[in-house]
Amino acid sequence: IWTTEFGRMPFTQNSVGRDHNGGTFVTWLAGAGVQGGISHGASDDFAYQTAERKTYCYDLHATVLHLMGIDHEKLTVRNNGSDRRLTDVHGEVIEDILK
């Protein structure tokens, strides 16, 4: 797994760099049951927002847990007296990228 926590804006900020962009980010997965040579999702022409197959960090976490043989909906952690899922109440396994 190689991932970023956010993308970068496709334009400069007063010519001093590019700001964080929560509208897109990049993740590469290899091995462990992931199909090779494919891509999932795409940004718009300006790399500003997601244009196709939008996924969230919860989906990435659910998929990684699935590849490790763990059902993300059943894995809970006790925190402040409540059982919490690592994927909160969100997350879908990204089936399209699996072998």
PDB file of N, CA and C in Angstrom:
ATOM      1  N   ILE A   1       0.856  -1.181   0.000  1.00  0.00           N
ATOM      2  CA  ILE A   1       0.000   0.000   0.000  1.00  0.00           C
ATOM      3  C   ILE A   1       0.891   1.229   0.000  1.00  0.00           C
ATOM      4  N   TRP A   2       0.618   2.110  -0.909  1.00  0.00           N
ATOM      5  CA  TRP A   2       1.234   3.445  -0.927  1.00  0.00           C
ATOM      6  C   TRP A   2       0.085   4.411  -1.118  1.00  0.00           C
ATOM      7  N   THR A   3      -0.048   5.364  -0.237  1.00  0.00           N
ATOM      8  CA  THR A   3      -1.179   6.284  -0.345  1.00  0.00           C
ATOM      9  C   THR A   3      -0.813   7.667   0.163  1.00  0.00           C
ATOM     10  N   THR A   4      -1.591   8.628  -0.241  1.00  0.00           N
ATOM     11  CA  THR A   4      -1.471   9.989   0.274  1.00  0.00           C
ATOM     12  C   THR A   4      -2.699  10.254   1.137  1.00  0.00           C
ATOM     13  N   GLU A   5      -2.631  11.233   1.998  1.00  0.00           N
ATOM     14  CA  GLU A   5      -3.803  11.571   2.798  1.00  0.00           C
ATOM     15  C   GLU A   5      -4.669  12.616   2.107  1.00  0.00           C
ATOM     16  N   PHE A   6      -4.123  13.231   1.075  1.00  0.00           N
ATOM     17  CA  PHE A   6      -4.865  14.224   0.309  1.00  0.00           C
ATOM     18  C   PHE A   6      -4.122  14.458  -0.994  1.00  0.00           C
ATOM     19  N   GLY A   7      -4.817  15.031  -1.964  1.00  0.00           N
ATOM     20  CA  GLY A   7      -4.168  15.415  -3.204  1.00  0.00           C
ATOM     21  C   GLY A   7      -3.621  16.832  -3.093  1.00  0.00           C
ATOM     22  N   ARG A   8      -3.198  17.354  -4.201  1.00  0.00           N
ATOM     23  CA  ARG A   8      -2.726  18.743  -4.274  1.00  0.00           C
ATOM     24  C   ARG A   8      -3.577  19.496  -5.269  1.00  0.00           C
ATOM     25  N   MET A   9      -3.820  20.762  -4.987  1.00  0.00           N
ATOM     26  CA  MET A   9      -4.599  21.594  -5.898  1.00  0.00           C
ATOM     27  C   MET A   9      -3.877  21.676  -7.235  1.00  0.00           C
ATOM     28  N   PRO A  10      -4.622  21.751  -8.327  1.00  0.00           N
ATOM     29  CA  PRO A  10      -4.002  21.803  -9.648  1.00  0.00           C
ATOM     30  C   PRO A  10      -3.491  23.194 -10.022  1.00  0.00           C
ATOM     31  N   PHE A  11      -3.523  24.121  -9.098  1.00  0.00           N
ATOM     32  CA  PHE A  11      -3.063  25.484  -9.372  1.00  0.00           C
ATOM     33  C   PHE A  11      -2.221  25.962  -8.189  1.00  0.00           C
ATOM     34  N   THR A  12      -1.457  27.009  -8.393  1.00  0.00           N
ATOM     35  CA  THR A  12      -0.572  27.510  -7.342  1.00  0.00           C
ATOM     36  C   THR A  12      -1.274  28.500  -6.433  1.00  0.00           C
ATOM     37  N   GLN A  13      -0.710  28.662  -5.250  1.00  0.00           N
ATOM     38  CA  GLN A  13      -1.192  29.641  -4.283  1.00  0.00           C
ATOM     39  C   GLN A  13      -0.229  30.818  -4.310  1.00  0.00           C
ATOM     40  N   ASN A  14      -0.576  31.850  -4.967  1.00  0.00           N
ATOM     41  CA  ASN A  14       0.296  33.028  -5.011  1.00  0.00           C
ATOM     42  C   ASN A  14       1.736  32.662  -5.364  1.00  0.00           C
ATOM     43  N   SER A  15       1.905  31.725  -6.232  1.00  0.00           N
ATOM     44  CA  SER A  15       3.198  31.225  -6.727  1.00  0.00           C
ATOM     45  C   SER A  15       4.139  30.733  -5.630  1.00  0.00           C
ATOM     46  N   VAL A  16       3.577  30.220  -4.525  1.00  0.00           N
ATOM     47  CA  VAL A  16       4.415  29.661  -3.460  1.00  0.00           C
ATOM     48  C   VAL A  16       4.147  28.178  -3.224  1.00  0.00           C
ATOM     49  N   GLY A  17       3.460  27.535  -4.112  1.00  0.00           N
ATOM     50  CA  GLY A  17       3.180  26.110  -3.950  1.00  0.00           C
ATOM     51  C   GLY A  17       1.721  25.805  -4.166  1.00  0.00           C
ATOM     52  N   ARG A  18       1.379  24.566  -3.926  1.00  0.00           N
ATOM     53  CA  ARG A  18       0.005  24.119  -4.125  1.00  0.00           C
ATOM     54  C   ARG A  18      -0.575  23.653  -2.789  1.00  0.00           C
ATOM     55  N   ASP A  19      -1.808  24.032  -2.529  1.00  0.00           N
ATOM     56  CA  ASP A  19      -2.470  23.716  -1.279  1.00  0.00           C
ATOM     57  C   ASP A  19      -2.988  22.280  -1.277  1.00  0.00           C
ATOM     58  N   HIS A  20      -3.403  21.807  -0.099  1.00  0.00           N
ATOM     59  CA  HIS A  20      -4.010  20.489   0.039  1.00  0.00           C
ATOM     60  C   HIS A  20      -5.326  20.447  -0.730  1.00  0.00           C
ATOM     61  N   ASN A  21      -5.657  19.272  -1.244  1.00  0.00           N
ATOM     62  CA  ASN A  21      -6.904  19.088  -1.979  1.00  0.00           C
ATOM     63  C   ASN A  21      -7.576  17.820  -1.470  1.00  0.00           C
ATOM     64  N   GLY A  22      -8.648  17.977  -0.727  1.00  0.00           N
ATOM     65  CA  GLY A  22      -9.399  16.830  -0.235  1.00  0.00           C
ATOM     66  C   GLY A  22     -10.298  16.212  -1.291  1.00  0.00           C
ATOM     67  N   GLY A  23     -10.343  16.788  -2.478  1.00  0.00           N
ATOM     68  CA  GLY A  23     -11.209  16.284  -3.544  1.00  0.00           C
ATOM     69  C   GLY A  23     -10.655  15.090  -4.284  1.00  0.00           C
ATOM     70  N   THR A  24      -9.355  14.872  -4.197  1.00  0.00           N
ATOM     71  CA  THR A  24      -8.725  13.719  -4.847  1.00  0.00           C
ATOM     72  C   THR A  24      -7.507  13.295  -4.034  1.00  0.00           C
ATOM     73  N   PHE A  25      -7.154  12.026  -4.156  1.00  0.00           N
ATOM     74  CA  PHE A  25      -5.889  11.539  -3.626  1.00  0.00           C
ATOM     75  C   PHE A  25      -5.539  10.248  -4.342  1.00  0.00           C
ATOM     76  N   VAL A  26      -4.311   9.790  -4.178  1.00  0.00           N
ATOM     77  CA  VAL A  26      -3.799   8.641  -4.915  1.00  0.00           C
ATOM     78  C   VAL A  26      -3.454   7.524  -3.942  1.00  0.00           C
ATOM     79  N   THR A  27      -3.797   6.303  -4.323  1.00  0.00           N
ATOM     80  CA  THR A  27      -3.392   5.112  -3.578  1.00  0.00           C
ATOM     81  C   THR A  27      -2.981   4.047  -4.574  1.00  0.00           C
ATOM     82  N   TRP A  28      -1.885   3.376  -4.290  1.00  0.00           N
ATOM     83  CA  TRP A  28      -1.445   2.222  -5.088  1.00  0.00           C
ATOM     84  C   TRP A  28      -1.502   1.000  -4.195  1.00  0.00           C
ATOM     85  N   LEU A  29      -2.080  -0.079  -4.722  1.00  0.00           N
ATOM     86  CA  LEU A  29      -2.118  -1.354  -4.023  1.00  0.00           C
ATOM     87  C   LEU A  29      -1.491  -2.407  -4.916  1.00  0.00           C
ATOM     88  N   ALA A  30      -0.737  -3.323  -4.334  1.00  0.00           N
ATOM     89  CA  ALA A  30      -0.122  -4.400  -5.107  1.00  0.00           C
ATOM     90  C   ALA A  30      -0.095  -5.673  -4.272  1.00  0.00           C
ATOM     91  N   GLY A  31      -0.286  -6.799  -4.944  1.00  0.00           N
ATOM     92  CA  GLY A  31      -0.233  -8.088  -4.268  1.00  0.00           C
ATOM     93  C   GLY A  31      -1.480  -8.362  -3.448  1.00  0.00           C
ATOM     94  N   ALA A  32      -1.427  -9.411  -2.659  1.00  0.00           N
ATOM     95  CA  ALA A  32      -2.457  -9.758  -1.665  1.00  0.00           C
ATOM     96  C   ALA A  32      -3.861  -9.913  -2.233  1.00  0.00           C
ATOM     97  N   GLY A  33      -4.000 -10.256  -3.512  1.00  0.00           N
ATOM     98  CA  GLY A  33      -5.330 -10.441  -4.090  1.00  0.00           C
ATOM     99  C   GLY A  33      -5.863  -9.251  -4.851  1.00  0.00           C
ATOM    100  N   VAL A  34      -5.013  -8.239  -5.065  1.00  0.00           N
ATOM    101  CA  VAL A  34      -5.408  -7.068  -5.853  1.00  0.00           C
ATOM    102  C   VAL A  34      -5.033  -7.319  -7.309  1.00  0.00           C
ATOM    103  N   GLN A  35      -5.957  -7.000  -8.221  1.00  0.00           N
ATOM    104  CA  GLN A  35      -5.663  -7.126  -9.656  1.00  0.00           C
ATOM    105  C   GLN A  35      -4.530  -6.185 -10.036  1.00  0.00           C
ATOM    106  N   GLY A  36      -3.628  -6.657 -10.855  1.00  0.00           N
ATOM    107  CA  GLY A  36      -2.550  -5.804 -11.337  1.00  0.00           C
ATOM    108  C   GLY A  36      -2.959  -5.051 -12.596  1.00  0.00           C
ATOM    109  N   GLY A  37      -2.348  -3.902 -12.806  1.00  0.00           N
ATOM    110  CA  GLY A  37      -2.494  -3.167 -14.050  1.00  0.00           C
ATOM    111  C   GLY A  37      -3.825  -2.490 -14.281  1.00  0.00           C
ATOM    112  N   ILE A  38      -4.586  -2.249 -13.235  1.00  0.00           N
ATOM    113  CA  ILE A  38      -5.869  -1.564 -13.417  1.00  0.00           C
ATOM    114  C   ILE A  38      -5.877  -0.270 -12.612  1.00  0.00           C
ATOM    115  N   SER A  39      -6.823   0.586 -12.926  1.00  0.00           N
ATOM    116  CA  SER A  39      -7.042   1.776 -12.107  1.00  0.00           C
ATOM    117  C   SER A  39      -8.518   1.817 -11.757  1.00  0.00           C
ATOM    118  N   HIS A  40      -8.815   2.460 -10.650  1.00  0.00           N
ATOM    119  CA  HIS A  40     -10.189   2.576 -10.173  1.00  0.00           C
ATOM    120  C   HIS A  40     -10.432   4.038  -9.851  1.00  0.00           C
ATOM    121  N   GLY A  41     -11.363   4.645 -10.544  1.00  0.00           N
ATOM    122  CA  GLY A  41     -11.675   6.048 -10.306  1.00  0.00           C
ATOM    123  C   GLY A  41     -10.817   6.975 -11.139  1.00  0.00           C
ATOM    124  N   ALA A  42     -11.264   8.215 -11.207  1.00  0.00           N
ATOM    125  CA  ALA A  42     -10.541   9.240 -11.963  1.00  0.00           C
ATOM    126  C   ALA A  42     -10.975  10.607 -11.474  1.00  0.00           C
ATOM    127  N   SER A  43     -10.071  11.556 -11.643  1.00  0.00           N
ATOM    128  CA  SER A  43     -10.410  12.940 -11.292  1.00  0.00           C
ATOM    129  C   SER A  43     -10.950  13.653 -12.527  1.00  0.00           C
ATOM    130  N   ASP A  44     -11.430  14.863 -12.318  1.00  0.00           N
ATOM    131  CA  ASP A  44     -11.860  15.675 -13.445  1.00  0.00           C
ATOM    132  C   ASP A  44     -10.622  16.134 -14.236  1.00  0.00           C
ATOM    133  N   ASP A  45     -10.831  16.855 -15.304  1.00  0.00           N
ATOM    134  CA  ASP A  45      -9.722  17.272 -16.172  1.00  0.00           C
ATOM    135  C   ASP A  45      -8.723  18.186 -15.476  1.00  0.00           C
ATOM    136  N   PHE A  46      -9.118  18.792 -14.365  1.00  0.00           N
ATOM    137  CA  PHE A  46      -8.227  19.703 -13.642  1.00  0.00           C
ATOM    138  C   PHE A  46      -7.605  19.058 -12.402  1.00  0.00           C
ATOM    139  N   ALA A  47      -7.887  17.751 -12.169  1.00  0.00           N
ATOM    140  CA  ALA A  47      -7.421  17.042 -10.973  1.00  0.00           C
ATOM    141  C   ALA A  47      -7.894  17.737  -9.702  1.00  0.00           C
ATOM    142  N   TYR A  48      -9.096  18.309  -9.771  1.00  0.00           N
ATOM    143  CA  TYR A  48      -9.643  19.079  -8.662  1.00  0.00           C
ATOM    144  C   TYR A  48     -10.631  18.264  -7.822  1.00  0.00           C
ATOM    145  N   GLN A  49     -11.516  17.516  -8.483  1.00  0.00           N
ATOM    146  CA  GLN A  49     -12.523  16.707  -7.797  1.00  0.00           C
ATOM    147  C   GLN A  49     -12.610  15.332  -8.444  1.00  0.00           C
ATOM    148  N   THR A  50     -13.140  14.389  -7.699  1.00  0.00           N
ATOM    149  CA  THR A  50     -13.366  13.056  -8.237  1.00  0.00           C
ATOM    150  C   THR A  50     -14.460  13.114  -9.292  1.00  0.00           C
ATOM    151  N   ALA A  51     -14.205  12.475 -10.431  1.00  0.00           N
ATOM    152  CA  ALA A  51     -15.182  12.467 -11.516  1.00  0.00           C
ATOM    153  C   ALA A  51     -15.816  11.089 -11.714  1.00  0.00           C
ATOM    154  N   GLU A  52     -15.081  10.024 -11.384  1.00  0.00           N
ATOM    155  CA  GLU A  52     -15.575   8.661 -11.604  1.00  0.00           C
ATOM    156  C   GLU A  52     -15.240   7.775 -10.414  1.00  0.00           C
ATOM    157  N   ARG A  53     -16.195   6.943 -10.030  1.00  0.00           N
ATOM    158  CA  ARG A  53     -15.997   5.917  -9.002  1.00  0.00           C
ATOM    159  C   ARG A  53     -15.422   6.464  -7.697  1.00  0.00           C
ATOM    160  N   LYS A  54     -16.091   7.414  -7.125  1.00  0.00           N
ATOM    161  CA  LYS A  54     -15.629   8.032  -5.888  1.00  0.00           C
ATOM    162  C   LYS A  54     -15.567   7.000  -4.757  1.00  0.00           C
ATOM    163  N   THR A  55     -14.465   6.972  -4.067  1.00  0.00           N
ATOM    164  CA  THR A  55     -14.298   6.121  -2.895  1.00  0.00           C
ATOM    165  C   THR A  55     -13.773   6.973  -1.742  1.00  0.00           C
ATOM    166  N   TYR A  56     -13.871   6.443  -0.559  1.00  0.00           N
ATOM    167  CA  TYR A  56     -13.456   7.164   0.647  1.00  0.00           C
ATOM    168  C   TYR A  56     -12.405   6.356   1.400  1.00  0.00           C
ATOM    169  N   CYS A  57     -11.773   6.971   2.364  1.00  0.00           N
ATOM    170  CA  CYS A  57     -10.776   6.266   3.173  1.00  0.00           C
ATOM    171  C   CYS A  57     -11.396   5.041   3.828  1.00  0.00           C
ATOM    172  N   TYR A  58     -12.661   5.110   4.203  1.00  0.00           N
ATOM    173  CA  TYR A  58     -13.335   3.962   4.815  1.00  0.00           C
ATOM    174  C   TYR A  58     -13.367   2.781   3.852  1.00  0.00           C
ATOM    175  N   ASP A  59     -13.547   3.056   2.555  1.00  0.00           N
ATOM    176  CA  ASP A  59     -13.552   1.994   1.553  1.00  0.00           C
ATOM    177  C   ASP A  59     -12.168   1.365   1.432  1.00  0.00           C
ATOM    178  N   LEU A  60     -11.134   2.192   1.454  1.00  0.00           N
ATOM    179  CA  LEU A  60      -9.766   1.664   1.423  1.00  0.00           C
ATOM    180  C   LEU A  60      -9.520   0.791   2.645  1.00  0.00           C
ATOM    181  N   HIS A  61      -9.905   1.253   3.825  1.00  0.00           N
ATOM    182  CA  HIS A  61      -9.698   0.476   5.048  1.00  0.00           C
ATOM    183  C   HIS A  61     -10.479  -0.833   4.996  1.00  0.00           C
ATOM    184  N   ALA A  62     -11.738  -0.794   4.551  1.00  0.00           N
ATOM    185  CA  ALA A  62     -12.548  -2.010   4.449  1.00  0.00           C
ATOM    186  C   ALA A  62     -11.917  -2.998   3.474  1.00  0.00           C
ATOM    187  N   THR A  63     -11.379  -2.500   2.373  1.00  0.00           N
ATOM    188  CA  THR A  63     -10.764  -3.361   1.366  1.00  0.00           C
ATOM    189  C   THR A  63      -9.485  -3.995   1.890  1.00  0.00           C
ATOM    190  N   VAL A  64      -8.645  -3.227   2.546  1.00  0.00           N
ATOM    191  CA  VAL A  64      -7.397  -3.765   3.106  1.00  0.00           C
ATOM    192  C   VAL A  64      -7.714  -4.815   4.170  1.00  0.00           C
ATOM    193  N   LEU A  65      -8.666  -4.532   5.043  1.00  0.00           N
ATOM    194  CA  LEU A  65      -9.057  -5.523   6.049  1.00  0.00           C
ATOM    195  C   LEU A  65      -9.590  -6.788   5.383  1.00  0.00           C
ATOM    196  N   HIS A  66     -10.393  -6.635   4.344  1.00  0.00           N
ATOM    197  CA  HIS A  66     -10.910  -7.789   3.591  1.00  0.00           C
ATOM    198  C   HIS A  66      -9.762  -8.630   3.028  1.00  0.00           C
ATOM    199  N   LEU A  67      -8.775  -7.970   2.460  1.00  0.00           N
ATOM    200  CA  LEU A  67      -7.628  -8.685   1.901  1.00  0.00           C
ATOM    201  C   LEU A  67      -6.824  -9.418   2.975  1.00  0.00           C
ATOM    202  N   MET A  68      -6.935  -8.946   4.206  1.00  0.00           N
ATOM    203  CA  MET A  68      -6.268  -9.606   5.338  1.00  0.00           C
ATOM    204  C   MET A  68      -7.159 -10.671   5.976  1.00  0.00           C
ATOM    205  N   GLY A  69      -8.348 -10.889   5.396  1.00  0.00           N
ATOM    206  CA  GLY A  69      -9.258 -11.901   5.907  1.00  0.00           C
ATOM    207  C   GLY A  69     -10.104 -11.438   7.077  1.00  0.00           C
ATOM    208  N   ILE A  70     -10.261 -10.135   7.244  1.00  0.00           N
ATOM    209  CA  ILE A  70     -11.008  -9.570   8.365  1.00  0.00           C
ATOM    210  C   ILE A  70     -12.258  -8.864   7.841  1.00  0.00           C
ATOM    211  N   ASP A  71     -13.412  -9.194   8.427  1.00  0.00           N
ATOM    212  CA  ASP A  71     -14.663  -8.530   8.071  1.00  0.00           C
ATOM    213  C   ASP A  71     -14.721  -7.205   8.818  1.00  0.00           C
ATOM    214  N   HIS A  72     -14.637  -6.110   8.102  1.00  0.00           N
ATOM    215  CA  HIS A  72     -14.579  -4.790   8.733  1.00  0.00           C
ATOM    216  C   HIS A  72     -15.856  -4.462   9.503  1.00  0.00           C
ATOM    217  N   GLU A  73     -16.967  -5.103   9.167  1.00  0.00           N
ATOM    218  CA  GLU A  73     -18.208  -4.831   9.883  1.00  0.00           C
ATOM    219  C   GLU A  73     -18.274  -5.545  11.232  1.00  0.00           C
ATOM    220  N   LYS A  74     -17.429  -6.554  11.411  1.00  0.00           N
ATOM    221  CA  LYS A  74     -17.416  -7.298  12.672  1.00  0.00           C
ATOM    222  C   LYS A  74     -16.254  -6.921  13.575  1.00  0.00           C
ATOM    223  N   LEU A  75     -15.217  -6.324  13.025  1.00  0.00           N
ATOM    224  CA  LEU A  75     -14.059  -5.938  13.830  1.00  0.00           C
ATOM    225  C   LEU A  75     -14.381  -4.664  14.601  1.00  0.00           C
ATOM    226  N   THR A  76     -14.385  -4.764  15.909  1.00  0.00           N
ATOM    227  CA  THR A  76     -14.671  -3.599  16.738  1.00  0.00           C
ATOM    228  C   THR A  76     -13.578  -3.426  17.784  1.00  0.00           C
ATOM    229  N   VAL A  77     -13.439  -2.213  18.246  1.00  0.00           N
ATOM    230  CA  VAL A  77     -12.480  -1.857  19.276  1.00  0.00           C
ATOM    231  C   VAL A  77     -13.247  -1.116  20.362  1.00  0.00           C
ATOM    232  N   ARG A  78     -13.019  -1.488  21.620  1.00  0.00           N
ATOM    233  CA  ARG A  78     -13.692  -0.824  22.737  1.00  0.00           C
ATOM    234  C   ARG A  78     -13.023   0.518  22.985  1.00  0.00           C
ATOM    235  N   ASN A  79     -13.799   1.600  22.965  1.00  0.00           N
ATOM    236  CA  ASN A  79     -13.271   2.947  23.177  1.00  0.00           C
ATOM    237  C   ASN A  79     -14.277   3.744  23.998  1.00  0.00           C
ATOM    238  N   ASN A  80     -13.867   4.198  25.161  1.00  0.00           N
ATOM    239  CA  ASN A  80     -14.734   4.993  26.038  1.00  0.00           C
ATOM    240  C   ASN A  80     -16.078   4.316  26.300  1.00  0.00           C
ATOM    241  N   GLY A  81     -16.053   3.014  26.491  1.00  0.00           N
ATOM    242  CA  GLY A  81     -17.266   2.274  26.836  1.00  0.00           C
ATOM    243  C   GLY A  81     -18.135   1.887  25.662  1.00  0.00           C
ATOM    244  N   SER A  82     -17.703   2.199  24.435  1.00  0.00           N
ATOM    245  CA  SER A  82     -18.483   1.844  23.247  1.00  0.00           C
ATOM    246  C   SER A  82     -17.636   1.003  22.305  1.00  0.00           C
ATOM    247  N   ASP A  83     -18.293   0.090  21.604  1.00  0.00           N
ATOM    248  CA  ASP A  83     -17.607  -0.672  20.566  1.00  0.00           C
ATOM    249  C   ASP A  83     -17.608   0.150  19.292  1.00  0.00           C
ATOM    250  N   ARG A  84     -16.437   0.383  18.748  1.00  0.00           N
ATOM    251  CA  ARG A  84     -16.278   1.191  17.527  1.00  0.00           C
ATOM    252  C   ARG A  84     -15.662   0.338  16.429  1.00  0.00           C
ATOM    253  N   ARG A  85     -16.156   0.539  15.213  1.00  0.00           N
ATOM    254  CA  ARG A  85     -15.551  -0.128  14.058  1.00  0.00           C
ATOM    255  C   ARG A  85     -14.441   0.748  13.518  1.00  0.00           C
ATOM    256  N   LEU A  86     -13.398   0.134  12.967  1.00  0.00           N
ATOM    257  CA  LEU A  86     -12.325   0.903  12.351  1.00  0.00           C
ATOM    258  C   LEU A  86     -12.823   1.677  11.142  1.00  0.00           C
ATOM    259  N   THR A  87     -13.880   1.185  10.511  1.00  0.00           N
ATOM    260  CA  THR A  87     -14.454   1.866   9.355  1.00  0.00           C
ATOM    261  C   THR A  87     -15.693   2.672   9.742  1.00  0.00           C
ATOM    262  N   ASP A  88     -15.865   2.926  11.044  1.00  0.00           N
ATOM    263  CA  ASP A  88     -16.999   3.687  11.562  1.00  0.00           C
ATOM    264  C   ASP A  88     -18.284   3.001  11.098  1.00  0.00           C
ATOM    265  N   VAL A  89     -19.248   3.715  10.605  1.00  0.00           N
ATOM    266  CA  VAL A  89     -20.466   3.097  10.075  1.00  0.00           C
ATOM    267  C   VAL A  89     -20.440   3.131   8.545  1.00  0.00           C
ATOM    268  N   HIS A  90     -19.266   3.348   7.990  1.00  0.00           N
ATOM    269  CA  HIS A  90     -19.095   3.491   6.547  1.00  0.00           C
ATOM    270  C   HIS A  90     -18.260   2.324   6.014  1.00  0.00           C
ATOM    271  N   GLY A  91     -17.882   2.438   4.781  1.00  0.00           N
ATOM    272  CA  GLY A  91     -16.927   1.519   4.184  1.00  0.00           C
ATOM    273  C   GLY A  91     -17.556   0.382   3.426  1.00  0.00           C
ATOM    274  N   GLU A  92     -17.144   0.265   2.189  1.00  0.00           N
ATOM    275  CA  GLU A  92     -17.528  -0.850   1.331  1.00  0.00           C
ATOM    276  C   GLU A  92     -16.255  -1.411   0.726  1.00  0.00           C
ATOM    277  N   VAL A  93     -16.154  -2.722   0.641  1.00  0.00           N
ATOM    278  CA  VAL A  93     -15.005  -3.340  -0.014  1.00  0.00           C
ATOM    279  C   VAL A  93     -15.059  -2.962  -1.497  1.00  0.00           C
ATOM    280  N   ILE A  94     -13.939  -2.526  -2.044  1.00  0.00           N
ATOM    281  CA  ILE A  94     -13.874  -2.127  -3.457  1.00  0.00           C
ATOM    282  C   ILE A  94     -13.657  -3.394  -4.277  1.00  0.00           C
ATOM    283  N   GLU A  95     -14.755  -4.058  -4.597  1.00  0.00           N
ATOM    284  CA  GLU A  95     -14.715  -5.352  -5.289  1.00  0.00           C
ATOM    285  C   GLU A  95     -14.049  -5.278  -6.655  1.00  0.00           C
ATOM    286  N   ASP A  96     -14.200  -4.146  -7.350  1.00  0.00           N
ATOM    287  CA  ASP A  96     -13.680  -3.999  -8.715  1.00  0.00           C
ATOM    288  C   ASP A  96     -12.169  -4.192  -8.826  1.00  0.00           C
ATOM    289  N   ILE A  97     -11.449  -4.026  -7.737  1.00  0.00           N
ATOM    290  CA  ILE A  97      -9.977  -4.111  -7.814  1.00  0.00           C
ATOM    291  C   ILE A  97      -9.463  -5.467  -7.363  1.00  0.00           C
ATOM    292  N   LEU A  98     -10.349  -6.361  -6.923  1.00  0.00           N
ATOM    293  CA  LEU A  98      -9.931  -7.665  -6.416  1.00  0.00           C
ATOM    294  C   LEU A  98      -9.853  -8.696  -7.531  1.00  0.00           C
ATOM    295  N   LYS A  99      -8.960  -9.679  -7.372  1.00  0.00           N
ATOM    296  CA  LYS A  99      -8.835 -10.771  -8.356  1.00  0.00           C
ATOM    297  C   LYS A  99     -10.045 -11.662  -8.291  1.00  0.00           C
TER     298      LYS A  99
END
